[in-house]
Amino acid sequence: MNSFPLQSSAPQTPRKKSFLMQLRPGSENEYELRHNPIPEELADALRAHGVRSYSIFLDRSRLLLFAYLEYNSDAQLAQLPESAVCQRWWAHMAPLMDVNPDLSPVRTDLRKVFDLTEQTERRHTK
């Protein structure tokens, strides 16, 4: 018996999100070490909550992190912060960055202003 959910043969267009986070002075190297690699249970939790791709870039001069992710659905992604794996990761990373009272990273969501893929798709569907 196949226990995998049936999926449409047409690929779902991923949703995209980007945001900024702030590192604390002197934590740059440790932040990179803790992400190379991330724990497999965290990678599994990200994938289980619909994350297809997740990248984080560091601006060392300002200690600013730029995160970009592609994911399947807002509802699925919204459940990730409630997972025990995510809660443990936040607690592990809290000493290195600005965090909220629940230890989630303080983040500034960014608004998308341009997407080449979407622009190209719009031109081809006209």
N, C-alpha and C. Protein backbone atom coordinates (compact mmCIF):
# COMPACT_ATOMS: atom_id res chain seq x y z
N MET A 1 0.85 -1.19 0.00
CA MET A 1 0.00 0.00 0.00
C MET A 1 0.88 1.24 0.00
N ASN A 2 0.61 2.16 -0.87
CA ASN A 2 1.39 3.38 -0.99
C ASN A 2 0.89 4.41 0.02
N SER A 3 1.77 4.85 0.93
CA SER A 3 1.36 5.81 1.96
C SER A 3 1.70 7.25 1.58
N PHE A 4 2.26 7.47 0.40
CA PHE A 4 2.61 8.82 -0.02
C PHE A 4 1.39 9.52 -0.59
N PRO A 5 1.23 10.82 -0.29
CA PRO A 5 0.09 11.54 -0.85
C PRO A 5 0.22 11.65 -2.36
N LEU A 6 -0.88 11.61 -3.05
CA LEU A 6 -0.87 11.79 -4.49
C LEU A 6 -0.56 13.24 -4.80
N GLN A 7 0.25 13.44 -5.82
CA GLN A 7 0.61 14.79 -6.22
C GLN A 7 0.26 15.00 -7.68
N SER A 8 -0.10 16.19 -8.00
CA SER A 8 -0.39 16.56 -9.37
C SER A 8 0.89 16.50 -10.18
N SER A 9 0.78 16.16 -11.46
CA SER A 9 1.97 16.13 -12.30
C SER A 9 2.45 17.54 -12.64
N ALA A 10 1.57 18.53 -12.52
CA ALA A 10 1.97 19.92 -12.77
C ALA A 10 2.66 20.48 -11.54
N PRO A 11 3.89 20.99 -11.70
CA PRO A 11 4.59 21.53 -10.53
C PRO A 11 3.90 22.77 -9.98
N GLN A 12 3.86 22.86 -8.67
CA GLN A 12 3.25 24.01 -8.01
C GLN A 12 4.26 25.16 -8.02
N THR A 13 3.82 26.35 -8.36
CA THR A 13 4.70 27.51 -8.33
C THR A 13 4.99 27.85 -6.88
N PRO A 14 6.27 27.93 -6.51
CA PRO A 14 6.57 28.20 -5.10
C PRO A 14 6.25 29.64 -4.71
N ARG A 15 5.89 29.81 -3.46
CA ARG A 15 5.76 31.14 -2.87
C ARG A 15 7.18 31.55 -2.48
N LYS A 16 7.39 32.86 -2.36
CA LYS A 16 8.73 33.37 -2.04
C LYS A 16 8.65 34.36 -0.90
N LYS A 17 9.66 34.32 -0.05
CA LYS A 17 9.69 35.22 1.11
C LYS A 17 11.15 35.60 1.36
N SER A 18 11.35 36.85 1.73
CA SER A 18 12.68 37.27 2.14
C SER A 18 12.56 38.20 3.35
N PHE A 19 13.60 38.19 4.15
CA PHE A 19 13.59 39.00 5.36
C PHE A 19 15.01 39.25 5.83
N LEU A 20 15.15 40.23 6.72
CA LEU A 20 16.43 40.58 7.33
C LEU A 20 16.43 40.20 8.79
N MET A 21 17.60 39.81 9.29
CA MET A 21 17.80 39.53 10.71
C MET A 21 19.12 40.16 11.12
N GLN A 22 19.30 40.39 12.40
CA GLN A 22 20.48 41.10 12.90
C GLN A 22 21.32 40.20 13.80
N LEU A 23 22.61 40.08 13.48
CA LEU A 23 23.54 39.35 14.34
C LEU A 23 24.08 40.28 15.42
N ARG A 24 24.51 39.68 16.51
CA ARG A 24 25.19 40.44 17.57
C ARG A 24 26.68 40.51 17.24
N PRO A 25 27.33 41.60 17.64
CA PRO A 25 28.77 41.74 17.35
C PRO A 25 29.56 40.54 17.86
N GLY A 26 30.47 40.06 17.03
CA GLY A 26 31.34 38.95 17.40
C GLY A 26 30.75 37.57 17.17
N SER A 27 29.54 37.49 16.67
CA SER A 27 28.90 36.18 16.52
C SER A 27 28.93 35.65 15.08
N GLU A 28 29.55 36.37 14.18
CA GLU A 28 29.53 36.00 12.77
C GLU A 28 30.07 34.59 12.51
N ASN A 29 31.26 34.30 13.05
CA ASN A 29 31.88 33.00 12.79
C ASN A 29 31.07 31.87 13.39
N GLU A 30 30.59 32.06 14.61
CA GLU A 30 29.79 31.01 15.26
C GLU A 30 28.48 30.79 14.52
N TYR A 31 27.88 31.86 14.03
CA TYR A 31 26.64 31.74 13.25
C TYR A 31 26.89 30.87 12.01
N GLU A 32 27.96 31.15 11.31
CA GLU A 32 28.29 30.36 10.13
C GLU A 32 28.57 28.91 10.49
N LEU A 33 29.31 28.67 11.56
CA LEU A 33 29.61 27.30 11.99
C LEU A 33 28.33 26.51 12.29
N ARG A 34 27.38 27.14 12.95
CA ARG A 34 26.14 26.46 13.32
C ARG A 34 25.24 26.17 12.13
N HIS A 35 25.53 26.80 11.00
CA HIS A 35 24.73 26.57 9.79
C HIS A 35 25.43 25.67 8.78
N ASN A 36 26.62 25.23 9.06
CA ASN A 36 27.37 24.44 8.10
C ASN A 36 27.86 23.12 8.66
N PRO A 37 26.99 22.12 8.64
CA PRO A 37 25.62 22.12 8.14
C PRO A 37 24.63 22.34 9.29
N ILE A 38 23.38 22.62 8.93
CA ILE A 38 22.32 22.66 9.96
C ILE A 38 22.02 21.22 10.35
N PRO A 39 21.46 20.99 11.54
CA PRO A 39 21.10 19.63 11.93
C PRO A 39 20.11 19.01 10.94
N GLU A 40 20.27 17.73 10.68
CA GLU A 40 19.39 17.06 9.72
C GLU A 40 17.93 17.13 10.15
N GLU A 41 17.68 17.09 11.48
CA GLU A 41 16.28 17.17 11.93
C GLU A 41 15.66 18.53 11.59
N LEU A 42 16.47 19.58 11.56
CA LEU A 42 15.98 20.90 11.16
C LEU A 42 15.72 20.94 9.66
N ALA A 43 16.63 20.40 8.88
CA ALA A 43 16.42 20.33 7.42
C ALA A 43 15.15 19.53 7.12
N ASP A 44 14.96 18.43 7.83
CA ASP A 44 13.75 17.61 7.62
C ASP A 44 12.49 18.39 7.98
N ALA A 45 12.54 19.15 9.08
CA ALA A 45 11.37 19.93 9.51
C ALA A 45 11.06 21.03 8.49
N LEU A 46 12.08 21.67 7.96
CA LEU A 46 11.86 22.70 6.93
C LEU A 46 11.16 22.09 5.72
N ARG A 47 11.69 20.96 5.25
CA ARG A 47 11.07 20.30 4.09
C ARG A 47 9.66 19.82 4.40
N ALA A 48 9.44 19.30 5.60
CA ALA A 48 8.12 18.80 5.99
C ALA A 48 7.09 19.93 6.05
N HIS A 49 7.54 21.16 6.24
CA HIS A 49 6.64 22.31 6.29
C HIS A 49 6.63 23.07 4.96
N GLY A 50 7.05 22.40 3.90
CA GLY A 50 6.91 22.93 2.56
C GLY A 50 8.03 23.82 2.05
N VAL A 51 9.13 23.93 2.80
CA VAL A 51 10.23 24.77 2.34
C VAL A 51 11.01 24.00 1.27
N ARG A 52 11.12 24.61 0.11
CA ARG A 52 11.83 24.00 -1.02
C ARG A 52 13.28 24.45 -1.09
N SER A 53 13.49 25.70 -0.78
CA SER A 53 14.82 26.29 -0.87
C SER A 53 14.93 27.38 0.20
N TYR A 54 16.08 27.43 0.86
CA TYR A 54 16.27 28.43 1.91
C TYR A 54 17.75 28.82 1.91
N SER A 55 18.02 30.08 1.71
CA SER A 55 19.39 30.59 1.71
C SER A 55 19.48 31.79 2.65
N ILE A 56 20.62 31.91 3.31
CA ILE A 56 20.88 33.05 4.19
C ILE A 56 22.23 33.64 3.78
N PHE A 57 22.26 34.96 3.60
CA PHE A 57 23.48 35.66 3.21
C PHE A 57 23.85 36.64 4.32
N LEU A 58 25.15 36.83 4.53
CA LEU A 58 25.65 37.70 5.60
C LEU A 58 26.37 38.92 5.04
N ASP A 59 25.94 40.09 5.50
CA ASP A 59 26.66 41.33 5.25
C ASP A 59 27.51 41.57 6.50
N ARG A 60 28.77 41.19 6.46
CA ARG A 60 29.65 41.28 7.64
C ARG A 60 29.84 42.72 8.12
N SER A 61 29.80 43.68 7.22
CA SER A 61 30.05 45.07 7.62
C SER A 61 28.94 45.61 8.51
N ARG A 62 27.72 45.11 8.35
CA ARG A 62 26.58 45.57 9.15
C ARG A 62 26.00 44.49 10.05
N LEU A 63 26.58 43.28 10.01
CA LEU A 63 26.09 42.13 10.77
C LEU A 63 24.63 41.83 10.43
N LEU A 64 24.30 42.04 9.18
CA LEU A 64 22.94 41.89 8.71
C LEU A 64 22.80 40.60 7.91
N LEU A 65 21.77 39.84 8.23
CA LEU A 65 21.48 38.59 7.52
C LEU A 65 20.31 38.83 6.58
N PHE A 66 20.45 38.36 5.34
CA PHE A 66 19.38 38.41 4.36
C PHE A 66 18.97 36.97 4.10
N ALA A 67 17.71 36.65 4.37
CA ALA A 67 17.20 35.28 4.16
C ALA A 67 16.21 35.27 3.01
N TYR A 68 16.29 34.22 2.21
CA TYR A 68 15.37 34.05 1.09
C TYR A 68 14.90 32.60 1.10
N LEU A 69 13.58 32.41 1.03
CA LEU A 69 13.07 31.05 0.95
C LEU A 69 11.95 30.92 -0.05
N GLU A 70 11.86 29.71 -0.58
CA GLU A 70 10.76 29.32 -1.46
C GLU A 70 10.03 28.19 -0.75
N TYR A 71 8.70 28.25 -0.77
CA TYR A 71 7.91 27.29 0.00
C TYR A 71 6.58 27.06 -0.70
N ASN A 72 5.86 26.05 -0.23
CA ASN A 72 4.63 25.63 -0.90
C ASN A 72 3.40 26.45 -0.52
N SER A 73 3.19 26.68 0.77
CA SER A 73 1.96 27.38 1.18
C SER A 73 2.18 28.14 2.48
N ASP A 74 1.47 29.26 2.62
CA ASP A 74 1.55 30.05 3.85
C ASP A 74 1.08 29.23 5.05
N ALA A 75 0.00 28.47 4.88
CA ALA A 75 -0.56 27.69 6.00
C ALA A 75 0.45 26.65 6.49
N GLN A 76 1.09 25.98 5.56
CA GLN A 76 2.08 24.95 5.92
C GLN A 76 3.28 25.58 6.63
N LEU A 77 3.79 26.68 6.09
CA LEU A 77 4.94 27.34 6.68
C LEU A 77 4.61 27.91 8.06
N ALA A 78 3.39 28.39 8.25
CA ALA A 78 2.98 28.99 9.52
C ALA A 78 3.03 28.00 10.69
N GLN A 79 3.01 26.72 10.39
CA GLN A 79 3.07 25.69 11.44
C GLN A 79 4.49 25.41 11.91
N LEU A 80 5.48 25.78 11.12
CA LEU A 80 6.88 25.49 11.46
C LEU A 80 7.31 26.04 12.82
N PRO A 81 6.99 27.30 13.17
CA PRO A 81 7.45 27.83 14.46
C PRO A 81 6.93 27.05 15.67
N GLU A 82 5.85 26.31 15.51
CA GLU A 82 5.29 25.54 16.62
C GLU A 82 6.01 24.21 16.83
N SER A 83 6.84 23.81 15.88
CA SER A 83 7.51 22.52 15.99
C SER A 83 8.60 22.55 17.06
N ALA A 84 8.78 21.44 17.74
CA ALA A 84 9.80 21.33 18.78
C ALA A 84 11.20 21.55 18.19
N VAL A 85 11.42 21.08 16.98
CA VAL A 85 12.72 21.24 16.32
C VAL A 85 13.03 22.73 16.13
N CYS A 86 12.06 23.47 15.66
CA CYS A 86 12.26 24.91 15.44
C CYS A 86 12.49 25.63 16.78
N GLN A 87 11.73 25.28 17.78
CA GLN A 87 11.90 25.90 19.11
C GLN A 87 13.31 25.64 19.66
N ARG A 88 13.81 24.41 19.49
CA ARG A 88 15.17 24.10 19.96
C ARG A 88 16.21 24.90 19.16
N TRP A 89 16.01 25.02 17.85
CA TRP A 89 16.96 25.77 17.01
C TRP A 89 16.99 27.24 17.42
N TRP A 90 15.82 27.82 17.63
CA TRP A 90 15.78 29.22 18.07
C TRP A 90 16.54 29.41 19.38
N ALA A 91 16.35 28.53 20.33
CA ALA A 91 17.04 28.64 21.62
C ALA A 91 18.56 28.51 21.42
N HIS A 92 18.97 27.63 20.52
CA HIS A 92 20.38 27.43 20.22
C HIS A 92 21.01 28.67 19.58
N MET A 93 20.23 29.37 18.74
CA MET A 93 20.75 30.52 18.01
C MET A 93 20.56 31.84 18.75
N ALA A 94 19.72 31.88 19.76
CA ALA A 94 19.37 33.13 20.46
C ALA A 94 20.57 33.94 20.96
N PRO A 95 21.62 33.31 21.49
CA PRO A 95 22.74 34.12 21.97
C PRO A 95 23.48 34.89 20.86
N LEU A 96 23.24 34.51 19.62
CA LEU A 96 24.01 35.08 18.51
C LEU A 96 23.32 36.23 17.78
N MET A 97 22.01 36.43 18.05
CA MET A 97 21.27 37.39 17.24
C MET A 97 20.17 38.06 18.03
N ASP A 98 19.61 39.11 17.48
CA ASP A 98 18.48 39.79 18.12
C ASP A 98 17.27 38.87 18.03
N VAL A 99 16.60 38.67 19.18
CA VAL A 99 15.46 37.75 19.23
C VAL A 99 14.28 38.39 19.96
N ASN A 100 13.11 37.85 19.70
CA ASN A 100 11.88 38.23 20.39
C ASN A 100 11.78 37.48 21.71
N PRO A 101 10.82 37.83 22.57
CA PRO A 101 10.67 37.13 23.85
C PRO A 101 10.49 35.61 23.71
N ASP A 102 9.91 35.15 22.59
CA ASP A 102 9.74 33.70 22.39
C ASP A 102 10.98 33.06 21.77
N LEU A 103 12.07 33.82 21.66
CA LEU A 103 13.37 33.43 21.10
C LEU A 103 13.38 33.34 19.57
N SER A 104 12.28 33.65 18.91
CA SER A 104 12.30 33.72 17.45
C SER A 104 13.16 34.90 17.04
N PRO A 105 13.85 34.80 15.92
CA PRO A 105 14.67 35.93 15.48
C PRO A 105 13.80 37.16 15.19
N VAL A 106 14.29 38.32 15.59
CA VAL A 106 13.66 39.56 15.17
C VAL A 106 13.92 39.65 13.67
N ARG A 107 12.86 39.86 12.91
CA ARG A 107 13.05 39.93 11.46
C ARG A 107 12.24 41.06 10.87
N THR A 108 12.76 41.57 9.78
CA THR A 108 12.08 42.59 9.00
C THR A 108 11.73 41.96 7.66
N ASP A 109 10.44 41.76 7.41
CA ASP A 109 10.01 41.19 6.14
C ASP A 109 10.24 42.20 5.03
N LEU A 110 10.66 41.69 3.89
CA LEU A 110 10.91 42.53 2.72
C LEU A 110 9.82 42.32 1.68
N ARG A 111 9.48 43.38 0.99
CA ARG A 111 8.45 43.32 -0.06
C ARG A 111 9.14 43.08 -1.40
N LYS A 112 8.66 42.11 -2.13
CA LYS A 112 9.21 41.82 -3.45
C LYS A 112 8.82 42.94 -4.41
N VAL A 113 9.81 43.45 -5.15
CA VAL A 113 9.54 44.50 -6.12
C VAL A 113 9.80 44.04 -7.56
N PHE A 114 10.51 42.94 -7.71
CA PHE A 114 10.82 42.43 -9.05
C PHE A 114 11.06 40.94 -8.97
N ASP A 115 10.55 40.20 -9.98
CA ASP A 115 10.78 38.77 -10.09
C ASP A 115 10.85 38.43 -11.57
N LEU A 116 12.02 38.09 -12.06
CA LEU A 116 12.22 37.80 -13.47
C LEU A 116 11.36 36.64 -13.94
N THR A 117 11.26 35.59 -13.14
CA THR A 117 10.45 34.43 -13.52
C THR A 117 9.00 34.82 -13.70
N GLU A 118 8.45 35.54 -12.73
CA GLU A 118 7.05 35.95 -12.84
C GLU A 118 6.83 36.88 -14.03
N GLN A 119 7.75 37.79 -14.26
CA GLN A 119 7.63 38.71 -15.38
C GLN A 119 7.64 37.94 -16.70
N THR A 120 8.53 36.98 -16.81
CA THR A 120 8.64 36.18 -18.03
C THR A 120 7.36 35.36 -18.24
N GLU A 121 6.85 34.74 -17.17
CA GLU A 121 5.63 33.95 -17.28
C GLU A 121 4.45 34.81 -17.71
N ARG A 122 4.34 36.03 -17.18
CA ARG A 122 3.26 36.93 -17.57
C ARG A 122 3.33 37.27 -19.05
N ARG A 123 4.54 37.50 -19.55
CA ARG A 123 4.70 37.85 -20.96
C ARG A 123 4.31 36.69 -21.87
N HIS A 124 4.59 35.46 -21.42
CA HIS A 124 4.30 34.29 -22.24
C HIS A 124 2.83 33.85 -22.17
N THR A 125 2.09 34.36 -21.21
CA THR A 125 0.68 33.97 -21.10
C THR A 125 -0.25 35.00 -21.73
N LYS A 126 0.29 36.07 -22.26
CA LYS A 126 -0.53 37.11 -22.89
C LYS A 126 -0.86 36.72 -24.31
